[in-house]
Amino acid sequence: MSWARDAMYEANTTHTGWRHEAFGRFLLRLASEGLNDEVFLAICREAGLQRELVGRLVARSRTDEALAEAARASDVTLLELATLLVSLGQEEGAERLIRERKPAPGREGRYLAWLRDRAQQRGDLADALALSDALFRLRPSLAGYQEVRALAQAQGRWENLQRDVLQRLDSEKQHALLTEIALDEGDVPRALAALAKVKGAFAANGARVRRRSAHPTR
C-alpha cells in the first residue's frame, strides 16, 4: 500500500487544516480493507486524525501508545479523546491524562467539569464534591452553590461546609450572589443583609465616580 503513503505525503503540500483531515478520512475509507495497521496509523498521524489513531491503537491493545498520542493533543482535543478512551474501557488512563494536563487559562473549568462528571459516574461522591467546590471557586454562581450543597448534603457534610462557603463569599464581596443564595434557601433576613451590602457597594462606587468627575486628572 505504498500508494496510500505517497498520496498522504502529497496531501501535505496541497491540503491544510480541515481539508487535510478530510482527505485523510477519505483515504482511510477508500483503502480501509487493504491497509495494515502501520500504514493506517501513518495516515492518521500525517492527517492529524487523532480520534482514529487513538481508537485503532486501543483496539490493537497498544494502550500505552494510545495514551501517549492523546497526551500530545491540544487542550480541547484532549477532552474529546479522553471521552473516547472512557468509551473504549480506558477510564483510568483517560482520567490520569486530564488530571495531569495543565490547560491554558480559561479552560480549567471544562477540565474540572469533566473530572466531576466522571467522579459522579463512578459513584465517588467525595471526589465529586471536591471537584464541584473547585469549580464553584473558579466560577461562583447559584447553580454551582446548589450543586455543592446537594453533594455535601448527600454525605452529611453540608453544615460545616456551608459556613465556610458563605464566609468565603462574604470575604470576596460576592454580595449579589449571597443575596441569590439566601433567597434560594428562604432566608429573608440574610438576603436583606446581603442586599444592603450590594447597595452600599453601588453607593461607594458612585461616590468615587463623582469625585473623579469633579477633579479630573490633568
N, C-alpha and C. Protein backbone atom coordinates (compact mmCIF):
# COMPACT_ATOMS: atom_id res chain seq x y z
N MET A 1 0.82 -1.21 0.00
CA MET A 1 0.00 0.00 0.00
C MET A 1 0.86 1.27 0.00
N SER A 2 1.95 1.23 -0.74
CA SER A 2 2.83 2.40 -0.80
C SER A 2 2.11 3.60 -1.42
N TRP A 3 1.12 3.32 -2.31
CA TRP A 3 0.38 4.42 -2.93
C TRP A 3 -0.36 5.26 -1.90
N ALA A 4 -0.84 4.60 -0.83
CA ALA A 4 -1.57 5.34 0.20
C ALA A 4 -0.65 6.31 0.92
N ARG A 5 0.56 5.83 1.25
CA ARG A 5 1.51 6.71 1.91
C ARG A 5 1.94 7.85 0.99
N ASP A 6 2.17 7.52 -0.30
CA ASP A 6 2.56 8.56 -1.25
C ASP A 6 1.46 9.62 -1.37
N ALA A 7 0.22 9.16 -1.42
CA ALA A 7 -0.90 10.11 -1.52
C ALA A 7 -0.99 11.00 -0.29
N MET A 8 -0.68 10.41 0.87
CA MET A 8 -0.75 11.20 2.10
C MET A 8 0.35 12.25 2.14
N TYR A 9 1.54 11.89 1.69
CA TYR A 9 2.63 12.85 1.64
C TYR A 9 2.31 13.98 0.67
N GLU A 10 1.70 13.63 -0.47
CA GLU A 10 1.32 14.65 -1.44
C GLU A 10 0.28 15.59 -0.85
N ALA A 11 -0.60 15.03 -0.05
CA ALA A 11 -1.65 15.86 0.58
C ALA A 11 -1.04 16.89 1.51
N ASN A 12 0.12 16.59 2.09
CA ASN A 12 0.75 17.53 2.99
C ASN A 12 1.06 18.86 2.31
N THR A 13 1.31 18.82 1.01
CA THR A 13 1.69 20.03 0.29
C THR A 13 0.51 20.68 -0.42
N THR A 14 -0.62 19.99 -0.51
CA THR A 14 -1.76 20.53 -1.26
C THR A 14 -2.98 20.78 -0.40
N HIS A 15 -3.00 20.28 0.84
CA HIS A 15 -4.16 20.45 1.71
C HIS A 15 -3.70 20.95 3.07
N THR A 16 -4.51 21.76 3.72
CA THR A 16 -4.22 22.25 5.06
C THR A 16 -5.47 22.16 5.92
N GLY A 17 -5.26 22.10 7.24
CA GLY A 17 -6.37 22.15 8.18
C GLY A 17 -7.41 21.08 7.95
N TRP A 18 -8.68 21.51 7.95
CA TRP A 18 -9.77 20.54 7.87
C TRP A 18 -9.77 19.81 6.53
N ARG A 19 -9.28 20.45 5.47
CA ARG A 19 -9.22 19.77 4.18
C ARG A 19 -8.23 18.60 4.23
N HIS A 20 -7.13 18.83 4.93
CA HIS A 20 -6.15 17.76 5.09
C HIS A 20 -6.76 16.57 5.84
N GLU A 21 -7.49 16.87 6.92
CA GLU A 21 -8.14 15.81 7.69
C GLU A 21 -9.19 15.10 6.84
N ALA A 22 -9.96 15.87 6.08
CA ALA A 22 -11.00 15.26 5.24
C ALA A 22 -10.38 14.34 4.20
N PHE A 23 -9.25 14.74 3.64
CA PHE A 23 -8.57 13.89 2.68
C PHE A 23 -8.09 12.61 3.34
N GLY A 24 -7.56 12.76 4.55
CA GLY A 24 -7.09 11.58 5.28
C GLY A 24 -8.22 10.60 5.56
N ARG A 25 -9.38 11.10 5.96
CA ARG A 25 -10.52 10.22 6.23
C ARG A 25 -11.00 9.54 4.94
N PHE A 26 -11.02 10.30 3.87
CA PHE A 26 -11.41 9.72 2.58
C PHE A 26 -10.45 8.60 2.20
N LEU A 27 -9.17 8.84 2.40
CA LEU A 27 -8.16 7.84 2.05
C LEU A 27 -8.33 6.58 2.89
N LEU A 28 -8.64 6.76 4.18
CA LEU A 28 -8.84 5.60 5.05
C LEU A 28 -10.05 4.79 4.60
N ARG A 29 -11.14 5.46 4.26
CA ARG A 29 -12.33 4.75 3.81
C ARG A 29 -12.07 4.02 2.49
N LEU A 30 -11.34 4.69 1.62
CA LEU A 30 -11.09 4.13 0.31
C LEU A 30 -10.27 2.85 0.37
N ALA A 31 -9.31 2.82 1.31
CA ALA A 31 -8.37 1.70 1.34
C ALA A 31 -8.42 0.92 2.64
N SER A 32 -9.47 1.07 3.42
CA SER A 32 -9.51 0.51 4.77
C SER A 32 -9.27 -1.00 4.80
N GLU A 33 -9.85 -1.72 3.87
CA GLU A 33 -9.74 -3.17 3.92
C GLU A 33 -8.34 -3.66 3.55
N GLY A 34 -7.60 -2.83 2.80
CA GLY A 34 -6.28 -3.28 2.37
C GLY A 34 -5.14 -2.69 3.17
N LEU A 35 -5.43 -1.88 4.18
CA LEU A 35 -4.38 -1.22 4.95
C LEU A 35 -3.97 -2.06 6.14
N ASN A 36 -2.66 -2.24 6.31
CA ASN A 36 -2.20 -2.85 7.56
C ASN A 36 -2.15 -1.76 8.63
N ASP A 37 -1.95 -2.19 9.85
CA ASP A 37 -2.02 -1.25 10.97
C ASP A 37 -1.05 -0.09 10.83
N GLU A 38 0.19 -0.37 10.46
CA GLU A 38 1.20 0.68 10.45
C GLU A 38 0.90 1.74 9.39
N VAL A 39 0.39 1.32 8.23
CA VAL A 39 0.02 2.30 7.20
C VAL A 39 -1.18 3.11 7.66
N PHE A 40 -2.16 2.43 8.26
CA PHE A 40 -3.34 3.11 8.79
C PHE A 40 -2.92 4.17 9.80
N LEU A 41 -2.04 3.80 10.73
CA LEU A 41 -1.59 4.73 11.76
C LEU A 41 -0.78 5.87 11.16
N ALA A 42 0.03 5.55 10.14
CA ALA A 42 0.82 6.59 9.49
C ALA A 42 -0.08 7.63 8.83
N ILE A 43 -1.14 7.17 8.18
CA ILE A 43 -2.08 8.10 7.56
C ILE A 43 -2.74 8.97 8.62
N CYS A 44 -3.14 8.35 9.72
CA CYS A 44 -3.77 9.11 10.80
C CYS A 44 -2.84 10.20 11.33
N ARG A 45 -1.57 9.83 11.53
CA ARG A 45 -0.62 10.82 12.05
C ARG A 45 -0.39 11.94 11.06
N GLU A 46 -0.24 11.60 9.79
CA GLU A 46 0.02 12.61 8.78
C GLU A 46 -1.17 13.55 8.61
N ALA A 47 -2.38 13.02 8.73
CA ALA A 47 -3.58 13.83 8.52
C ALA A 47 -4.10 14.47 9.80
N GLY A 48 -3.47 14.16 10.94
CA GLY A 48 -3.95 14.72 12.21
C GLY A 48 -5.26 14.11 12.67
N LEU A 49 -5.51 12.85 12.32
CA LEU A 49 -6.75 12.17 12.70
C LEU A 49 -6.53 11.47 14.05
N GLN A 50 -6.59 12.26 15.10
CA GLN A 50 -6.21 11.74 16.42
C GLN A 50 -7.24 10.76 16.98
N ARG A 51 -8.51 11.00 16.73
CA ARG A 51 -9.53 10.06 17.21
C ARG A 51 -9.34 8.69 16.57
N GLU A 52 -9.16 8.68 15.27
CA GLU A 52 -8.97 7.41 14.57
C GLU A 52 -7.68 6.72 15.02
N LEU A 53 -6.64 7.52 15.23
CA LEU A 53 -5.35 6.99 15.66
C LEU A 53 -5.46 6.34 17.03
N VAL A 54 -6.02 7.07 17.98
CA VAL A 54 -6.15 6.55 19.34
C VAL A 54 -7.08 5.34 19.37
N GLY A 55 -8.17 5.40 18.62
CA GLY A 55 -9.10 4.27 18.57
C GLY A 55 -8.46 3.01 18.05
N ARG A 56 -7.66 3.13 16.97
CA ARG A 56 -7.01 1.94 16.40
C ARG A 56 -5.97 1.37 17.37
N LEU A 57 -5.22 2.24 18.03
CA LEU A 57 -4.20 1.77 18.97
C LEU A 57 -4.84 1.01 20.14
N VAL A 58 -5.94 1.53 20.66
CA VAL A 58 -6.62 0.84 21.75
C VAL A 58 -7.17 -0.50 21.26
N ALA A 59 -7.75 -0.49 20.06
CA ALA A 59 -8.31 -1.73 19.51
C ALA A 59 -7.25 -2.80 19.33
N ARG A 60 -6.01 -2.38 19.13
CA ARG A 60 -4.91 -3.33 18.96
C ARG A 60 -4.15 -3.57 20.27
N SER A 61 -4.76 -3.17 21.38
CA SER A 61 -4.19 -3.36 22.72
C SER A 61 -2.85 -2.64 22.88
N ARG A 62 -2.67 -1.56 22.17
CA ARG A 62 -1.47 -0.73 22.29
C ARG A 62 -1.83 0.51 23.11
N THR A 63 -2.27 0.23 24.33
CA THR A 63 -2.84 1.29 25.17
C THR A 63 -1.83 2.36 25.53
N ASP A 64 -0.61 1.99 25.87
CA ASP A 64 0.39 2.99 26.23
C ASP A 64 0.65 3.96 25.08
N GLU A 65 0.69 3.43 23.87
CA GLU A 65 0.88 4.30 22.70
C GLU A 65 -0.32 5.22 22.52
N ALA A 66 -1.51 4.67 22.73
CA ALA A 66 -2.72 5.48 22.58
C ALA A 66 -2.72 6.64 23.57
N LEU A 67 -2.34 6.37 24.81
CA LEU A 67 -2.31 7.42 25.83
C LEU A 67 -1.23 8.45 25.51
N ALA A 68 -0.10 7.99 24.99
CA ALA A 68 0.97 8.91 24.63
C ALA A 68 0.54 9.83 23.49
N GLU A 69 -0.18 9.27 22.52
CA GLU A 69 -0.68 10.09 21.42
C GLU A 69 -1.70 11.11 21.93
N ALA A 70 -2.58 10.68 22.81
CA ALA A 70 -3.59 11.59 23.35
C ALA A 70 -2.95 12.71 24.16
N ALA A 71 -1.87 12.39 24.87
CA ALA A 71 -1.21 13.39 25.70
C ALA A 71 -0.62 14.54 24.88
N ARG A 72 -0.39 14.29 23.59
CA ARG A 72 0.17 15.34 22.73
C ARG A 72 -0.91 16.23 22.11
N ALA A 73 -2.16 15.92 22.37
CA ALA A 73 -3.26 16.68 21.77
C ALA A 73 -3.41 18.05 22.43
N SER A 74 -4.12 18.94 21.74
CA SER A 74 -4.42 20.26 22.30
C SER A 74 -5.38 20.12 23.48
N ASP A 75 -5.56 21.19 24.22
CA ASP A 75 -6.44 21.16 25.38
C ASP A 75 -7.86 20.73 25.01
N VAL A 76 -8.38 21.31 23.92
CA VAL A 76 -9.75 21.00 23.50
C VAL A 76 -9.85 19.56 23.02
N THR A 77 -8.91 19.15 22.19
CA THR A 77 -8.95 17.80 21.63
C THR A 77 -8.74 16.74 22.70
N LEU A 78 -7.93 17.04 23.70
CA LEU A 78 -7.67 16.06 24.75
C LEU A 78 -8.95 15.67 25.47
N LEU A 79 -9.83 16.63 25.72
CA LEU A 79 -11.10 16.31 26.36
C LEU A 79 -11.91 15.34 25.51
N GLU A 80 -11.91 15.56 24.19
CA GLU A 80 -12.64 14.67 23.29
C GLU A 80 -12.01 13.27 23.28
N LEU A 81 -10.69 13.22 23.28
CA LEU A 81 -10.00 11.93 23.28
C LEU A 81 -10.20 11.20 24.60
N ALA A 82 -10.23 11.95 25.70
CA ALA A 82 -10.46 11.31 27.00
C ALA A 82 -11.85 10.67 27.04
N THR A 83 -12.84 11.36 26.50
CA THR A 83 -14.19 10.79 26.44
C THR A 83 -14.19 9.53 25.57
N LEU A 84 -13.46 9.58 24.46
CA LEU A 84 -13.34 8.39 23.60
C LEU A 84 -12.68 7.25 24.36
N LEU A 85 -11.62 7.53 25.08
CA LEU A 85 -10.91 6.50 25.83
C LEU A 85 -11.82 5.85 26.88
N VAL A 86 -12.64 6.66 27.53
CA VAL A 86 -13.59 6.12 28.50
C VAL A 86 -14.54 5.15 27.82
N SER A 87 -15.03 5.54 26.64
CA SER A 87 -15.98 4.68 25.92
C SER A 87 -15.32 3.38 25.46
N LEU A 88 -13.99 3.38 25.37
CA LEU A 88 -13.25 2.18 24.96
C LEU A 88 -12.72 1.39 26.15
N GLY A 89 -13.19 1.75 27.34
CA GLY A 89 -12.81 0.99 28.53
C GLY A 89 -11.50 1.41 29.17
N GLN A 90 -11.00 2.60 28.82
CA GLN A 90 -9.74 3.08 29.37
C GLN A 90 -9.97 4.25 30.32
N GLU A 91 -10.86 4.03 31.29
CA GLU A 91 -11.25 5.11 32.21
C GLU A 91 -10.07 5.64 33.02
N GLU A 92 -9.29 4.73 33.59
CA GLU A 92 -8.19 5.16 34.46
C GLU A 92 -7.17 6.01 33.69
N GLY A 93 -6.79 5.54 32.52
CA GLY A 93 -5.83 6.29 31.71
C GLY A 93 -6.38 7.64 31.28
N ALA A 94 -7.66 7.68 30.92
CA ALA A 94 -8.27 8.93 30.48
C ALA A 94 -8.28 9.95 31.61
N GLU A 95 -8.66 9.52 32.80
CA GLU A 95 -8.70 10.45 33.93
C GLU A 95 -7.30 10.92 34.29
N ARG A 96 -6.33 10.05 34.20
CA ARG A 96 -4.95 10.45 34.52
C ARG A 96 -4.48 11.55 33.55
N LEU A 97 -4.81 11.40 32.28
CA LEU A 97 -4.43 12.41 31.29
C LEU A 97 -5.03 13.78 31.63
N ILE A 98 -6.30 13.77 32.01
CA ILE A 98 -6.97 15.04 32.31
C ILE A 98 -6.42 15.66 33.59
N ARG A 99 -6.15 14.84 34.59
CA ARG A 99 -5.61 15.37 35.85
C ARG A 99 -4.19 15.92 35.68
N GLU A 100 -3.42 15.31 34.80
CA GLU A 100 -2.02 15.73 34.62
C GLU A 100 -1.89 16.96 33.72
N ARG A 101 -2.88 17.20 32.87
CA ARG A 101 -2.81 18.35 31.97
C ARG A 101 -3.03 19.65 32.74
N LYS A 102 -2.25 20.65 32.41
CA LYS A 102 -2.47 21.99 32.94
C LYS A 102 -2.98 22.84 31.78
N PRO A 103 -4.30 22.95 31.65
CA PRO A 103 -4.88 23.64 30.49
C PRO A 103 -4.59 25.13 30.51
N ALA A 104 -4.71 25.74 29.36
CA ALA A 104 -4.50 27.18 29.24
C ALA A 104 -5.55 27.93 30.05
N PRO A 105 -5.21 29.13 30.52
CA PRO A 105 -6.19 29.92 31.28
C PRO A 105 -7.50 30.06 30.53
N GLY A 106 -8.58 29.88 31.26
CA GLY A 106 -9.91 29.96 30.66
C GLY A 106 -10.50 28.60 30.33
N ARG A 107 -9.68 27.56 30.36
CA ARG A 107 -10.16 26.22 30.04
C ARG A 107 -10.19 25.30 31.26
N GLU A 108 -9.76 25.82 32.42
CA GLU A 108 -9.72 24.98 33.61
C GLU A 108 -11.10 24.45 33.98
N GLY A 109 -12.13 25.29 33.77
CA GLY A 109 -13.48 24.89 34.15
C GLY A 109 -13.95 23.65 33.42
N ARG A 110 -13.64 23.54 32.14
CA ARG A 110 -14.07 22.37 31.36
C ARG A 110 -13.39 21.11 31.88
N TYR A 111 -12.15 21.23 32.29
CA TYR A 111 -11.43 20.07 32.82
C TYR A 111 -12.00 19.65 34.17
N LEU A 112 -12.27 20.62 35.04
CA LEU A 112 -12.87 20.30 36.33
C LEU A 112 -14.25 19.67 36.15
N ALA A 113 -15.03 20.20 35.23
CA ALA A 113 -16.37 19.66 34.98
C ALA A 113 -16.29 18.23 34.46
N TRP A 114 -15.33 17.96 33.58
CA TRP A 114 -15.16 16.60 33.03
C TRP A 114 -14.82 15.63 34.16
N LEU A 115 -13.89 16.01 35.01
CA LEU A 115 -13.49 15.14 36.12
C LEU A 115 -14.63 14.96 37.12
N ARG A 116 -15.38 16.03 37.38
CA ARG A 116 -16.53 15.93 38.28
C ARG A 116 -17.56 14.94 37.75
N ASP A 117 -17.85 15.04 36.46
CA ASP A 117 -18.82 14.12 35.86
C ASP A 117 -18.34 12.67 35.96
N ARG A 118 -17.05 12.45 35.74
CA ARG A 118 -16.50 11.11 35.86
C ARG A 118 -16.63 10.60 37.30
N ALA A 119 -16.34 11.46 38.27
CA ALA A 119 -16.44 11.06 39.68
C ALA A 119 -17.87 10.66 40.02
N GLN A 120 -18.83 11.42 39.52
CA GLN A 120 -20.23 11.10 39.78
C GLN A 120 -20.62 9.78 39.11
N GLN A 121 -20.11 9.56 37.92
CA GLN A 121 -20.45 8.32 37.20
C GLN A 121 -19.92 7.08 37.90
N ARG A 122 -18.76 7.20 38.53
CA ARG A 122 -18.23 6.03 39.23
C ARG A 122 -18.64 6.01 40.70
N GLY A 123 -19.51 6.95 41.10
CA GLY A 123 -20.07 6.94 42.45
C GLY A 123 -19.15 7.44 43.53
N ASP A 124 -18.11 8.21 43.17
CA ASP A 124 -17.18 8.75 44.15
C ASP A 124 -17.67 10.14 44.55
N LEU A 125 -18.58 10.19 45.51
CA LEU A 125 -19.19 11.47 45.89
C LEU A 125 -18.20 12.42 46.55
N ALA A 126 -17.22 11.90 47.28
CA ALA A 126 -16.24 12.76 47.92
C ALA A 126 -15.40 13.51 46.88
N ASP A 127 -14.97 12.78 45.86
CA ASP A 127 -14.19 13.42 44.80
C ASP A 127 -15.07 14.37 44.00
N ALA A 128 -16.31 13.98 43.74
CA ALA A 128 -17.23 14.85 43.01
C ALA A 128 -17.45 16.16 43.77
N LEU A 129 -17.56 16.07 45.09
CA LEU A 129 -17.75 17.28 45.90
C LEU A 129 -16.52 18.17 45.84
N ALA A 130 -15.34 17.58 45.97
CA ALA A 130 -14.11 18.37 45.91
C ALA A 130 -13.97 19.08 44.58
N LEU A 131 -14.31 18.39 43.50
CA LEU A 131 -14.21 18.98 42.16
C LEU A 131 -15.28 20.04 41.93
N SER A 132 -16.48 19.79 42.45
CA SER A 132 -17.56 20.79 42.33
C SER A 132 -17.21 22.05 43.11
N ASP A 133 -16.60 21.87 44.27
CA ASP A 133 -16.19 23.02 45.07
C ASP A 133 -15.10 23.80 44.35
N ALA A 134 -14.15 23.10 43.73
CA ALA A 134 -13.09 23.78 42.98
C ALA A 134 -13.68 24.55 41.80
N LEU A 135 -14.67 23.95 41.14
CA LEU A 135 -15.32 24.62 40.01
C LEU A 135 -16.11 25.83 40.50
N PHE A 136 -16.75 25.71 41.65
CA PHE A 136 -17.51 26.81 42.22
C PHE A 136 -16.59 27.97 42.62
N ARG A 137 -15.42 27.64 43.16
CA ARG A 137 -14.45 28.68 43.50
C ARG A 137 -13.98 29.41 42.24
N LEU A 138 -13.82 28.65 41.17
CA LEU A 138 -13.36 29.24 39.92
C LEU A 138 -14.43 30.12 39.29
N ARG A 139 -15.68 29.65 39.32
CA ARG A 139 -16.79 30.37 38.71
C ARG A 139 -17.99 30.37 39.65
N PRO A 140 -17.99 31.27 40.62
CA PRO A 140 -19.10 31.31 41.59
C PRO A 140 -20.43 31.60 40.91
N SER A 141 -21.45 30.81 41.24
CA SER A 141 -22.79 31.00 40.69
C SER A 141 -23.78 30.30 41.59
N LEU A 142 -25.05 30.66 41.46
CA LEU A 142 -26.08 29.99 42.25
C LEU A 142 -26.15 28.51 41.90
N ALA A 143 -26.07 28.19 40.61
CA ALA A 143 -26.13 26.79 40.19
C ALA A 143 -24.96 26.00 40.78
N GLY A 144 -23.78 26.62 40.81
CA GLY A 144 -22.62 25.96 41.38
C GLY A 144 -22.78 25.73 42.88
N TYR A 145 -23.34 26.71 43.57
CA TYR A 145 -23.61 26.57 45.00
C TYR A 145 -24.60 25.44 45.26
N GLN A 146 -25.66 25.40 44.46
CA GLN A 146 -26.67 24.35 44.62
C GLN A 146 -26.07 22.96 44.42
N GLU A 147 -25.16 22.85 43.47
CA GLU A 147 -24.52 21.57 43.21
C GLU A 147 -23.64 21.14 44.38
N VAL A 148 -22.85 22.06 44.89
CA VAL A 148 -22.01 21.76 46.06
C VAL A 148 -22.89 21.37 47.24
N ARG A 149 -23.96 22.10 47.44
CA ARG A 149 -24.87 21.83 48.56
C ARG A 149 -25.47 20.42 48.46
N ALA A 150 -25.94 20.06 47.26
CA ALA A 150 -26.57 18.75 47.08
C ALA A 150 -25.58 17.62 47.36
N LEU A 151 -24.36 17.76 46.86
CA LEU A 151 -23.35 16.71 47.07
C LEU A 151 -22.94 16.63 48.53
N ALA A 152 -22.81 17.79 49.17
CA ALA A 152 -22.41 17.80 50.58
C ALA A 152 -23.52 17.24 51.47
N GLN A 153 -24.77 17.58 51.17
CA GLN A 153 -25.89 17.06 51.96
C GLN A 153 -25.97 15.54 51.84
N ALA A 154 -25.69 15.01 50.65
CA ALA A 154 -25.73 13.56 50.45
C ALA A 154 -24.69 12.84 51.29
N GLN A 155 -23.66 13.58 51.73
CA GLN A 155 -22.59 12.97 52.53
C GLN A 155 -22.62 13.45 53.99
N GLY A 156 -23.67 14.21 54.35
CA GLY A 156 -23.77 14.72 55.72
C GLY A 156 -22.70 15.71 56.07
N ARG A 157 -22.24 16.49 55.10
CA ARG A 157 -21.13 17.41 55.33
C ARG A 157 -21.51 18.87 55.12
N TRP A 158 -22.79 19.12 54.92
CA TRP A 158 -23.18 20.46 54.50
C TRP A 158 -23.12 21.49 55.60
N GLU A 159 -23.42 21.14 56.82
CA GLU A 159 -23.50 22.13 57.89
C GLU A 159 -22.19 22.90 58.04
N ASN A 160 -21.09 22.19 58.14
CA ASN A 160 -19.79 22.85 58.29
C ASN A 160 -19.34 23.51 56.99
N LEU A 161 -19.56 22.83 55.87
CA LEU A 161 -19.11 23.38 54.60
C LEU A 161 -19.87 24.64 54.24
N GLN A 162 -21.16 24.68 54.54
CA GLN A 162 -21.95 25.87 54.21
C GLN A 162 -21.39 27.11 54.90
N ARG A 163 -21.03 26.96 56.16
CA ARG A 163 -20.47 28.10 56.89
C ARG A 163 -19.19 28.61 56.21
N ASP A 164 -18.33 27.69 55.82
CA ASP A 164 -17.08 28.08 55.16
C ASP A 164 -17.34 28.76 53.81
N VAL A 165 -18.28 28.21 53.06
CA VAL A 165 -18.59 28.76 51.74
C VAL A 165 -19.15 30.18 51.88
N LEU A 166 -20.09 30.38 52.79
CA LEU A 166 -20.69 31.70 52.95
C LEU A 166 -19.67 32.72 53.45
N GLN A 167 -18.80 32.30 54.36
CA GLN A 167 -17.76 33.21 54.85
C GLN A 167 -16.80 33.60 53.73
N ARG A 168 -16.46 32.63 52.90
CA ARG A 168 -15.56 32.92 51.79
C ARG A 168 -16.18 33.90 50.80
N LEU A 169 -17.45 33.67 50.46
CA LEU A 169 -18.12 34.56 49.53
C LEU A 169 -18.25 35.97 50.10
N ASP A 170 -18.47 36.07 51.39
CA ASP A 170 -18.56 37.38 52.03
C ASP A 170 -17.21 38.10 51.99
N SER A 171 -16.12 37.36 52.25
CA SER A 171 -14.79 37.96 52.21
C SER A 171 -14.41 38.40 50.79
N GLU A 172 -14.98 37.71 49.80
CA GLU A 172 -14.73 38.07 48.40
C GLU A 172 -15.71 39.12 47.90
N LYS A 173 -16.57 39.60 48.79
CA LYS A 173 -17.57 40.64 48.47
C LYS A 173 -18.53 40.18 47.36
N GLN A 174 -18.89 38.91 47.40
CA GLN A 174 -19.85 38.36 46.44
C GLN A 174 -21.27 38.55 46.99
N HIS A 175 -21.60 39.80 47.28
CA HIS A 175 -22.86 40.07 47.98
C HIS A 175 -24.09 39.84 47.11
N ALA A 176 -23.99 40.09 45.82
CA ALA A 176 -25.13 39.82 44.94
C ALA A 176 -25.43 38.32 44.91
N LEU A 177 -24.38 37.50 44.83
CA LEU A 177 -24.58 36.05 44.85
C LEU A 177 -25.10 35.59 46.20
N LEU A 178 -24.60 36.19 47.26
CA LEU A 178 -25.10 35.83 48.60
C LEU A 178 -26.58 36.16 48.73
N THR A 179 -27.03 37.22 48.08
CA THR A 179 -28.45 37.57 48.10
C THR A 179 -29.26 36.48 47.40
N GLU A 180 -28.79 36.04 46.23
CA GLU A 180 -29.47 34.97 45.49
C GLU A 180 -29.53 33.69 46.32
N ILE A 181 -28.42 33.37 46.97
CA ILE A 181 -28.35 32.14 47.76
C ILE A 181 -29.33 32.19 48.93
N ALA A 182 -29.36 33.32 49.61
CA ALA A 182 -30.26 33.46 50.76
C ALA A 182 -31.72 33.33 50.32
N LEU A 183 -32.07 33.94 49.21
CA LEU A 183 -33.43 33.82 48.70
C LEU A 183 -33.74 32.37 48.31
N ASP A 184 -32.78 31.69 47.70
CA ASP A 184 -32.95 30.29 47.31
C ASP A 184 -33.21 29.41 48.53
N GLU A 185 -32.60 29.78 49.63
CA GLU A 185 -32.74 29.00 50.86
C GLU A 185 -33.86 29.52 51.77
N GLY A 186 -34.59 30.52 51.28
CA GLY A 186 -35.72 31.04 52.04
C GLY A 186 -35.34 31.82 53.28
N ASP A 187 -34.14 32.34 53.32
CA ASP A 187 -33.66 33.10 54.48
C ASP A 187 -33.76 34.59 54.14
N VAL A 188 -34.92 35.17 54.38
CA VAL A 188 -35.17 36.57 54.00
C VAL A 188 -34.28 37.55 54.76
N PRO A 189 -34.11 37.43 56.09
CA PRO A 189 -33.23 38.36 56.80
C PRO A 189 -31.80 38.35 56.24
N ARG A 190 -31.29 37.17 55.93
CA ARG A 190 -29.93 37.09 55.38
C ARG A 190 -29.88 37.71 53.99
N ALA A 191 -30.94 37.52 53.21
CA ALA A 191 -31.00 38.11 51.87
C ALA A 191 -31.00 39.63 51.96
N LEU A 192 -31.77 40.19 52.91
CA LEU A 192 -31.83 41.64 53.06
C LEU A 192 -30.49 42.20 53.51
N ALA A 193 -29.80 41.48 54.39
CA ALA A 193 -28.49 41.93 54.86
C ALA A 193 -27.48 41.94 53.71
N ALA A 194 -27.51 40.90 52.88
CA ALA A 194 -26.60 40.85 51.74
C ALA A 194 -26.95 41.92 50.73
N LEU A 195 -28.23 42.15 50.51
CA LEU A 195 -28.67 43.16 49.56
C LEU A 195 -28.24 44.55 50.00
N ALA A 196 -28.27 44.78 51.31
CA ALA A 196 -27.81 46.08 51.83
C ALA A 196 -26.34 46.30 51.50
N LYS A 197 -25.55 45.25 51.53
CA LYS A 197 -24.13 45.38 51.17
C LYS A 197 -23.96 45.64 49.68
N VAL A 198 -24.85 45.05 48.87
CA VAL A 198 -24.80 45.32 47.43
C VAL A 198 -25.08 46.79 47.19
N LYS A 199 -26.12 47.33 47.85
CA LYS A 199 -26.46 48.74 47.68
C LYS A 199 -25.35 49.64 48.18
N GLY A 200 -24.72 49.22 49.29
CA GLY A 200 -23.62 50.00 49.83
C GLY A 200 -22.44 50.06 48.87
N ALA A 201 -22.17 48.93 48.21
CA ALA A 201 -21.07 48.89 47.24
C ALA A 201 -21.37 49.79 46.05
N PHE A 202 -22.64 49.77 45.58
CA PHE A 202 -23.01 50.63 44.46
C PHE A 202 -22.87 52.10 44.85
N ALA A 203 -23.30 52.43 46.05
CA ALA A 203 -23.22 53.82 46.51
C ALA A 203 -21.76 54.27 46.60
N ALA A 204 -20.90 53.40 47.13
CA ALA A 204 -19.48 53.74 47.25
C ALA A 204 -18.85 53.94 45.89
N ASN A 205 -19.18 53.06 44.95
CA ASN A 205 -18.64 53.20 43.60
C ASN A 205 -19.13 54.49 42.93
N GLY A 206 -20.40 54.81 43.15
CA GLY A 206 -20.95 56.04 42.58
C GLY A 206 -20.26 57.27 43.12
N ALA A 207 -19.96 57.25 44.43
CA ALA A 207 -19.27 58.39 45.05
C ALA A 207 -17.87 58.56 44.46
N ARG A 208 -17.17 57.44 44.24
CA ARG A 208 -15.82 57.51 43.66
C ARG A 208 -15.87 58.08 42.24
N VAL A 209 -16.88 57.66 41.46
CA VAL A 209 -17.02 58.18 40.10
C VAL A 209 -17.28 59.67 40.11
N ARG A 210 -18.12 60.13 41.04
CA ARG A 210 -18.44 61.56 41.11
C ARG A 210 -17.20 62.36 41.52
N ARG A 211 -16.39 61.82 42.43
CA ARG A 211 -15.18 62.53 42.84
C ARG A 211 -14.20 62.66 41.69
N ARG A 212 -14.06 61.58 40.91
CA ARG A 212 -13.15 61.63 39.77
C ARG A 212 -13.64 62.62 38.71
N SER A 213 -14.98 62.70 38.55
CA SER A 213 -15.53 63.64 37.56
C SER A 213 -15.34 65.08 38.01
N ALA A 214 -15.45 65.31 39.30
CA ALA A 214 -15.30 66.68 39.83
C ALA A 214 -13.84 67.13 39.84
N HIS A 215 -12.91 66.18 39.92
CA HIS A 215 -11.48 66.53 39.96
C HIS A 215 -10.74 65.71 38.93
N PRO A 216 -10.94 65.97 37.64
CA PRO A 216 -10.29 65.19 36.59
C PRO A 216 -8.77 65.34 36.67
N THR A 217 -8.08 64.28 36.30
CA THR A 217 -6.62 64.30 36.31
C THR A 217 -6.11 65.16 35.18
N ARG A 218 -5.17 66.00 35.49
CA ARG A 218 -4.63 66.88 34.46
C ARG A 218 -3.32 66.30 33.94
